[in-house]
Amino acid sequence: MSRGAGEGGAVAARGGGPRLVTAAPGAPLDLGSMSTAPPPAPRAPGAAVTSLGPPPRAATAPPSPAPRDTYDLGYGYLRHKDYTLAEDTFRDFLRRYPSDRLAADAQYWLGESLFQRQNYRDAADAFLALSKKYENSAKAPDSLLRLGQSLAALNEKELACATFGEVTRKYPRASLTVKQVVEREQQRVRC
C-alpha cells in the first residue's frame, strides 16, 4: 500500500514509475539500480576535446496504460523538442487507441513534430491523414493549414495553394489566427 511522502516512506509513482521502498526513519531508500559505466579514459595532454552532445534519451513508459497518459507523454516530449520520442509515442497512441477522443490531436501533434524536424513529406502525410479521418476535429483547420505549408516546403506550389484555399472554404469558422496565417502563406507562396 502506498503512503504519502512522510516519515519512513514515499509515494510510489503512478503506474510503472520508480518506487521507493518504505524503510525505518533514517534508513536508506532503494531507488533502483544506476548505470555503472566505467569512467572515461584520461586524455593525453593537448588532445582535442570532442563533444557529441547529450546522449539520446530513452523512451519512458507512460505512468499507466490509460490513453490520456500516453498522449500526455508524447505531448511532453514534443514540448521538450524530443521529436523522435514524441513521434514514436504518438504513433504508438494511434496504433493502440485509434478511436479515442484524443486520436485527432495525437495525429496533429505527430504531424507537427515531423514538420518541426523539416520532414515535410511525412508531415504532409500525417496532416492529410487527419484531414481525411478526423475532418470534423477541432484540429482539422490547423492540420489543413500545416498540410499546405508542408506542400509549399516541398515546392508543390499548386497543391499548396489549393490546400490553402480549402482551409477557408471547408472551415469558414476557423479561428482568426488560422485565417490570417492562410492569407500570409498564400502571399508568401504567391498563390
C-alpha atoms as a PDB file:
ATOM      1  CA  MET A   1       0.000   0.000   0.000  1.00  0.00           C
ATOM      2  CA  SER A   2       1.427   3.418  -0.969  1.00  0.00           C
ATOM      3  CA  ARG A   3       1.744   6.043   1.681  1.00  0.00           C
ATOM      4  CA  GLY A   4       2.138   9.776   1.323  1.00  0.00           C
ATOM      5  CA  ALA A   5       5.638  11.185   1.406  1.00  0.00           C
ATOM      6  CA  GLY A   6       6.334  11.417   5.042  1.00  0.00           C
ATOM      7  CA  GLU A   7       8.059   9.613   7.847  1.00  0.00           C
ATOM      8  CA  GLY A   8       9.649   6.415   6.657  1.00  0.00           C
ATOM      9  CA  GLY A   9       8.178   6.267   3.157  1.00  0.00           C
ATOM     10  CA  ALA A  10       7.392   7.957  -0.086  1.00  0.00           C
ATOM     11  CA  VAL A  11       4.691   7.846  -2.694  1.00  0.00           C
ATOM     12  CA  ALA A  12       5.284   5.390  -5.490  1.00  0.00           C
ATOM     13  CA  ALA A  13       4.916   6.997  -8.892  1.00  0.00           C
ATOM     14  CA  ARG A  14       1.702   6.237 -10.782  1.00  0.00           C
ATOM     15  CA  GLY A  15       1.862   3.035 -12.780  1.00  0.00           C
ATOM     16  CA  GLY A  16       5.336   1.739 -13.569  1.00  0.00           C
ATOM     17  CA  GLY A  17       7.434   4.661 -12.348  1.00  0.00           C
ATOM     18  CA  PRO A  18      10.231   4.446  -9.798  1.00  0.00           C
ATOM     19  CA  ARG A  19       9.178   3.015  -6.496  1.00  0.00           C
ATOM     20  CA  LEU A  20      10.643   3.972  -3.193  1.00  0.00           C
ATOM     21  CA  VAL A  21      10.893   1.281  -0.586  1.00  0.00           C
ATOM     22  CA  THR A  22       9.424   2.043   2.806  1.00  0.00           C
ATOM     23  CA  ALA A  23      12.110   1.823   5.470  1.00  0.00           C
ATOM     24  CA  ALA A  24      12.606   2.781   9.055  1.00  0.00           C
ATOM     25  CA  PRO A  25      13.150   6.506   9.667  1.00  0.00           C
ATOM     26  CA  GLY A  26      16.682   7.434   8.689  1.00  0.00           C
ATOM     27  CA  ALA A  27      17.312   4.199   6.748  1.00  0.00           C
ATOM     28  CA  PRO A  28      18.353   4.498   3.097  1.00  0.00           C
ATOM     29  CA  LEU A  29      15.685   4.019   0.459  1.00  0.00           C
ATOM     30  CA  ASP A  30      16.220   1.781  -2.583  1.00  0.00           C
ATOM     31  CA  LEU A  31      15.749   3.888  -5.710  1.00  0.00           C
ATOM     32  CA  GLY A  32      16.678   1.154  -8.160  1.00  0.00           C
ATOM     33  CA  SER A  33      19.954   0.489  -9.909  1.00  0.00           C
ATOM     34  CA  MET A  34      22.115   3.103 -11.538  1.00  0.00           C
ATOM     35  CA  SER A  35      24.388   2.626 -14.508  1.00  0.00           C
ATOM     36  CA  THR A  36      27.930   1.805 -13.501  1.00  0.00           C
ATOM     37  CA  ALA A  37      29.698   2.777 -16.707  1.00  0.00           C
ATOM     38  CA  PRO A  38      33.483   2.973 -16.384  1.00  0.00           C
ATOM     39  CA  PRO A  39      34.940   6.470 -16.086  1.00  0.00           C
ATOM     40  CA  PRO A  40      36.303   7.995 -19.299  1.00  0.00           C
ATOM     41  CA  ALA A  41      39.933   7.274 -20.152  1.00  0.00           C
ATOM     42  CA  PRO A  42      42.377  10.037 -19.243  1.00  0.00           C
ATOM     43  CA  ARG A  43      43.077  12.491 -22.041  1.00  0.00           C
ATOM     44  CA  ALA A  44      46.542  12.968 -23.438  1.00  0.00           C
ATOM     45  CA  PRO A  45      47.921  16.490 -22.885  1.00  0.00           C
ATOM     46  CA  GLY A  46      46.938  18.735 -25.795  1.00  0.00           C
ATOM     47  CA  ALA A  47      44.355  16.296 -27.130  1.00  0.00           C
ATOM     48  CA  ALA A  48      41.241  17.871 -28.567  1.00  0.00           C
ATOM     49  CA  VAL A  49      38.037  17.571 -26.619  1.00  0.00           C
ATOM     50  CA  THR A  50      35.111  16.446 -28.719  1.00  0.00           C
ATOM     51  CA  SER A  51      31.534  16.558 -27.614  1.00  0.00           C
ATOM     52  CA  LEU A  52      28.799  14.598 -29.257  1.00  0.00           C
ATOM     53  CA  GLY A  53      26.155  16.342 -27.188  1.00  0.00           C
ATOM     54  CA  PRO A  54      23.981  14.717 -24.613  1.00  0.00           C
ATOM     55  CA  PRO A  55      23.209  11.067 -25.146  1.00  0.00           C
ATOM     56  CA  PRO A  56      19.775  10.352 -26.613  1.00  0.00           C
ATOM     57  CA  ARG A  57      17.084   9.893 -24.005  1.00  0.00           C
ATOM     58  CA  ALA A  58      15.408   6.553 -23.718  1.00  0.00           C
ATOM     59  CA  ALA A  59      11.655   6.475 -24.008  1.00  0.00           C
ATOM     60  CA  THR A  60       9.785   6.427 -20.740  1.00  0.00           C
ATOM     61  CA  ALA A  61       6.737   4.294 -20.227  1.00  0.00           C
ATOM     62  CA  PRO A  62       3.566   6.252 -19.508  1.00  0.00           C
ATOM     63  CA  PRO A  63       2.549   6.196 -15.845  1.00  0.00           C
ATOM     64  CA  SER A  64      -0.443   3.995 -16.673  1.00  0.00           C
ATOM     65  CA  PRO A  65      -1.878   2.232 -19.709  1.00  0.00           C
ATOM     66  CA  ALA A  66      -4.604   4.893 -19.982  1.00  0.00           C
ATOM     67  CA  PRO A  67      -4.804   6.662 -23.362  1.00  0.00           C
ATOM     68  CA  ARG A  68      -4.521  10.102 -21.719  1.00  0.00           C
ATOM     69  CA  ASP A  69      -1.221   9.189 -20.067  1.00  0.00           C
ATOM     70  CA  THR A  70       0.270   8.001 -23.362  1.00  0.00           C
ATOM     71  CA  TYR A  71      -0.948  11.159 -25.103  1.00  0.00           C
ATOM     72  CA  ASP A  72       0.427  13.402 -22.330  1.00  0.00           C
ATOM     73  CA  LEU A  73       3.786  11.631 -22.509  1.00  0.00           C
ATOM     74  CA  GLY A  74       4.017  12.271 -26.262  1.00  0.00           C
ATOM     75  CA  TYR A  75       2.967  15.894 -25.824  1.00  0.00           C
ATOM     76  CA  GLY A  76       5.598  16.331 -23.119  1.00  0.00           C
ATOM     77  CA  TYR A  77       8.269  15.029 -25.476  1.00  0.00           C
ATOM     78  CA  LEU A  78       7.059  17.439 -28.139  1.00  0.00           C
ATOM     79  CA  ARG A  79       7.175  20.416 -25.769  1.00  0.00           C
ATOM     80  CA  HIS A  80      10.747  19.484 -24.838  1.00  0.00           C
ATOM     81  CA  LYS A  81      11.663  19.133 -28.520  1.00  0.00           C
ATOM     82  CA  ASP A  82      12.332  15.402 -28.198  1.00  0.00           C
ATOM     83  CA  TYR A  83      10.724  14.930 -31.592  1.00  0.00           C
ATOM     84  CA  THR A  84      11.759  11.337 -32.226  1.00  0.00           C
ATOM     85  CA  LEU A  85      10.317  10.212 -28.895  1.00  0.00           C
ATOM     86  CA  ALA A  86       7.205  12.330 -29.472  1.00  0.00           C
ATOM     87  CA  GLU A  87       6.656  10.721 -32.875  1.00  0.00           C
ATOM     88  CA  ASP A  88       7.175   7.215 -31.516  1.00  0.00           C
ATOM     89  CA  THR A  89       4.762   7.884 -28.656  1.00  0.00           C
ATOM     90  CA  PHE A  90       2.057   9.410 -30.851  1.00  0.00           C
ATOM     91  CA  ARG A  91       2.374   6.563 -33.375  1.00  0.00           C
ATOM     92  CA  ASP A  92       2.006   4.092 -30.517  1.00  0.00           C
ATOM     93  CA  PHE A  93      -1.023   6.016 -29.246  1.00  0.00           C
ATOM     94  CA  LEU A  94      -2.675   5.976 -32.678  1.00  0.00           C
ATOM     95  CA  ARG A  95      -1.968   2.265 -33.104  1.00  0.00           C
ATOM     96  CA  ARG A  96      -3.375   1.370 -29.674  1.00  0.00           C
ATOM     97  CA  TYR A  97      -6.224   3.903 -29.406  1.00  0.00           C
ATOM     98  CA  PRO A  98      -7.389   4.799 -32.946  1.00  0.00           C
ATOM     99  CA  SER A  99     -10.923   5.641 -31.776  1.00  0.00           C
ATOM    100  CA  ASP A 100     -10.015   7.590 -28.645  1.00  0.00           C
ATOM    101  CA  ARG A 101     -11.256  11.172 -28.394  1.00  0.00           C
ATOM    102  CA  LEU A 102      -7.597  12.322 -28.385  1.00  0.00           C
ATOM    103  CA  ALA A 103      -6.702  10.478 -31.607  1.00  0.00           C
ATOM    104  CA  ALA A 104      -7.161  13.534 -33.851  1.00  0.00           C
ATOM    105  CA  ASP A 105      -4.973  15.647 -31.583  1.00  0.00           C
ATOM    106  CA  ALA A 106      -2.342  12.879 -31.462  1.00  0.00           C
ATOM    107  CA  GLN A 107      -2.390  12.747 -35.273  1.00  0.00           C
ATOM    108  CA  TYR A 108      -1.938  16.530 -35.429  1.00  0.00           C
ATOM    109  CA  TRP A 109       0.973  16.559 -32.974  1.00  0.00           C
ATOM    110  CA  LEU A 110       2.621  13.691 -34.850  1.00  0.00           C
ATOM    111  CA  GLY A 111       2.499  15.832 -37.988  1.00  0.00           C
ATOM    112  CA  GLU A 112       3.689  18.902 -36.092  1.00  0.00           C
ATOM    113  CA  SER A 113       6.683  17.019 -34.738  1.00  0.00           C
ATOM    114  CA  LEU A 114       7.610  15.855 -38.230  1.00  0.00           C
ATOM    115  CA  PHE A 115       7.105  19.402 -39.540  1.00  0.00           C
ATOM    116  CA  GLN A 116       9.410  20.835 -36.867  1.00  0.00           C
ATOM    117  CA  ARG A 117      12.126  18.389 -37.939  1.00  0.00           C
ATOM    118  CA  GLN A 118      11.589  19.555 -41.532  1.00  0.00           C
ATOM    119  CA  ASN A 119      10.457  16.081 -42.552  1.00  0.00           C
ATOM    120  CA  TYR A 120       7.848  17.699 -44.781  1.00  0.00           C
ATOM    121  CA  ARG A 121       6.843  14.625 -46.794  1.00  0.00           C
ATOM    122  CA  ASP A 122       5.917  12.598 -43.692  1.00  0.00           C
ATOM    123  CA  ALA A 123       4.398  15.687 -42.068  1.00  0.00           C
ATOM    124  CA  ALA A 124       2.194  16.172 -45.135  1.00  0.00           C
ATOM    125  CA  ASP A 125       1.107  12.528 -44.905  1.00  0.00           C
ATOM    126  CA  ALA A 126       0.235  12.924 -41.220  1.00  0.00           C
ATOM    127  CA  PHE A 127      -1.743  16.133 -41.792  1.00  0.00           C
ATOM    128  CA  LEU A 128      -3.523  14.635 -44.795  1.00  0.00           C
ATOM    129  CA  ALA A 129      -4.489  11.593 -42.711  1.00  0.00           C
ATOM    130  CA  LEU A 130      -6.023  13.888 -40.085  1.00  0.00           C
ATOM    131  CA  SER A 131      -7.887  15.841 -42.759  1.00  0.00           C
ATOM    132  CA  LYS A 132      -9.433  12.645 -44.103  1.00  0.00           C
ATOM    133  CA  LYS A 133     -10.047  10.625 -40.961  1.00  0.00           C
ATOM    134  CA  TYR A 134     -10.892  13.395 -38.483  1.00  0.00           C
ATOM    135  CA  GLU A 135     -12.248  16.146 -40.746  1.00  0.00           C
ATOM    136  CA  ASN A 136     -14.650  17.372 -38.045  1.00  0.00           C
ATOM    137  CA  SER A 137     -11.948  17.648 -35.402  1.00  0.00           C
ATOM    138  CA  ALA A 138     -11.090  20.991 -33.823  1.00  0.00           C
ATOM    139  CA  LYS A 139      -7.549  20.447 -35.190  1.00  0.00           C
ATOM    140  CA  ALA A 140      -8.724  19.913 -38.793  1.00  0.00           C
ATOM    141  CA  PRO A 141      -8.338  23.562 -39.946  1.00  0.00           C
ATOM    142  CA  ASP A 142      -4.862  23.790 -38.378  1.00  0.00           C
ATOM    143  CA  SER A 143      -3.948  20.474 -39.965  1.00  0.00           C
ATOM    144  CA  LEU A 144      -5.039  21.590 -43.416  1.00  0.00           C
ATOM    145  CA  LEU A 145      -3.009  24.783 -42.993  1.00  0.00           C
ATOM    146  CA  ARG A 146       0.059  22.751 -41.982  1.00  0.00           C
ATOM    147  CA  LEU A 147      -0.535  20.422 -44.931  1.00  0.00           C
ATOM    148  CA  GLY A 148      -0.367  23.469 -47.219  1.00  0.00           C
ATOM    149  CA  GLN A 149       2.818  24.669 -45.528  1.00  0.00           C
ATOM    150  CA  SER A 150       4.373  21.215 -45.867  1.00  0.00           C
ATOM    151  CA  LEU A 151       3.490  21.104 -49.561  1.00  0.00           C
ATOM    152  CA  ALA A 152       4.935  24.593 -50.052  1.00  0.00           C
ATOM    153  CA  ALA A 153       8.168  23.474 -48.376  1.00  0.00           C
ATOM    154  CA  LEU A 154       8.258  20.559 -50.842  1.00  0.00           C
ATOM    155  CA  ASN A 155       7.942  23.054 -53.725  1.00  0.00           C
ATOM    156  CA  GLU A 156       4.469  21.756 -54.569  1.00  0.00           C
ATOM    157  CA  LYS A 157       3.114  25.262 -55.156  1.00  0.00           C
ATOM    158  CA  GLU A 158      -0.117  24.323 -56.948  1.00  0.00           C
ATOM    159  CA  LEU A 159      -1.079  21.744 -54.335  1.00  0.00           C
ATOM    160  CA  ALA A 160      -0.116  24.126 -51.523  1.00  0.00           C
ATOM    161  CA  CYS A 161      -2.263  26.918 -52.971  1.00  0.00           C
ATOM    162  CA  ALA A 162      -5.214  24.574 -53.471  1.00  0.00           C
ATOM    163  CA  THR A 163      -4.846  23.372 -49.891  1.00  0.00           C
ATOM    164  CA  PHE A 164      -4.739  26.921 -48.502  1.00  0.00           C
ATOM    165  CA  GLY A 165      -7.917  27.680 -50.441  1.00  0.00           C
ATOM    166  CA  GLU A 166      -9.580  24.601 -48.941  1.00  0.00           C
ATOM    167  CA  VAL A 167      -8.948  25.823 -45.387  1.00  0.00           C
ATOM    168  CA  THR A 168     -11.282  28.814 -45.706  1.00  0.00           C
ATOM    169  CA  ARG A 169     -13.745  27.013 -47.978  1.00  0.00           C
ATOM    170  CA  LYS A 170     -14.088  23.903 -45.846  1.00  0.00           C
ATOM    171  CA  TYR A 171     -13.733  25.633 -42.463  1.00  0.00           C
ATOM    172  CA  PRO A 172     -15.321  29.079 -42.683  1.00  0.00           C
ATOM    173  CA  ARG A 173     -15.488  29.170 -38.878  1.00  0.00           C
ATOM    174  CA  ALA A 174     -11.765  28.510 -38.432  1.00  0.00           C
ATOM    175  CA  SER A 175     -10.052  30.751 -35.913  1.00  0.00           C
ATOM    176  CA  LEU A 176      -8.990  34.226 -36.954  1.00  0.00           C
ATOM    177  CA  THR A 177      -5.378  33.195 -36.415  1.00  0.00           C
ATOM    178  CA  VAL A 178      -5.678  30.292 -38.859  1.00  0.00           C
ATOM    179  CA  LYS A 179      -7.326  32.557 -41.446  1.00  0.00           C
ATOM    180  CA  GLN A 180      -4.601  35.189 -41.054  1.00  0.00           C
ATOM    181  CA  VAL A 181      -1.825  32.617 -41.430  1.00  0.00           C
ATOM    182  CA  VAL A 182      -3.542  31.207 -44.535  1.00  0.00           C
ATOM    183  CA  GLU A 183      -3.563  34.708 -46.084  1.00  0.00           C
ATOM    184  CA  ARG A 184       0.120  35.241 -45.223  1.00  0.00           C
ATOM    185  CA  GLU A 185       1.052  31.836 -46.646  1.00  0.00           C
ATOM    186  CA  GLN A 186      -0.903  32.495 -49.845  1.00  0.00           C
ATOM    187  CA  GLN A 187       1.033  35.744 -50.300  1.00  0.00           C
ATOM    188  CA  ARG A 188       4.362  34.136 -49.431  1.00  0.00           C
ATOM    189  CA  VAL A 189       3.843  31.275 -51.886  1.00  0.00           C
ATOM    190  CA  ARG A 190       2.288  33.692 -54.428  1.00  0.00           C
ATOM    191  CA  CYS A 191      -0.976  31.834 -54.878  1.00  0.00           C
END
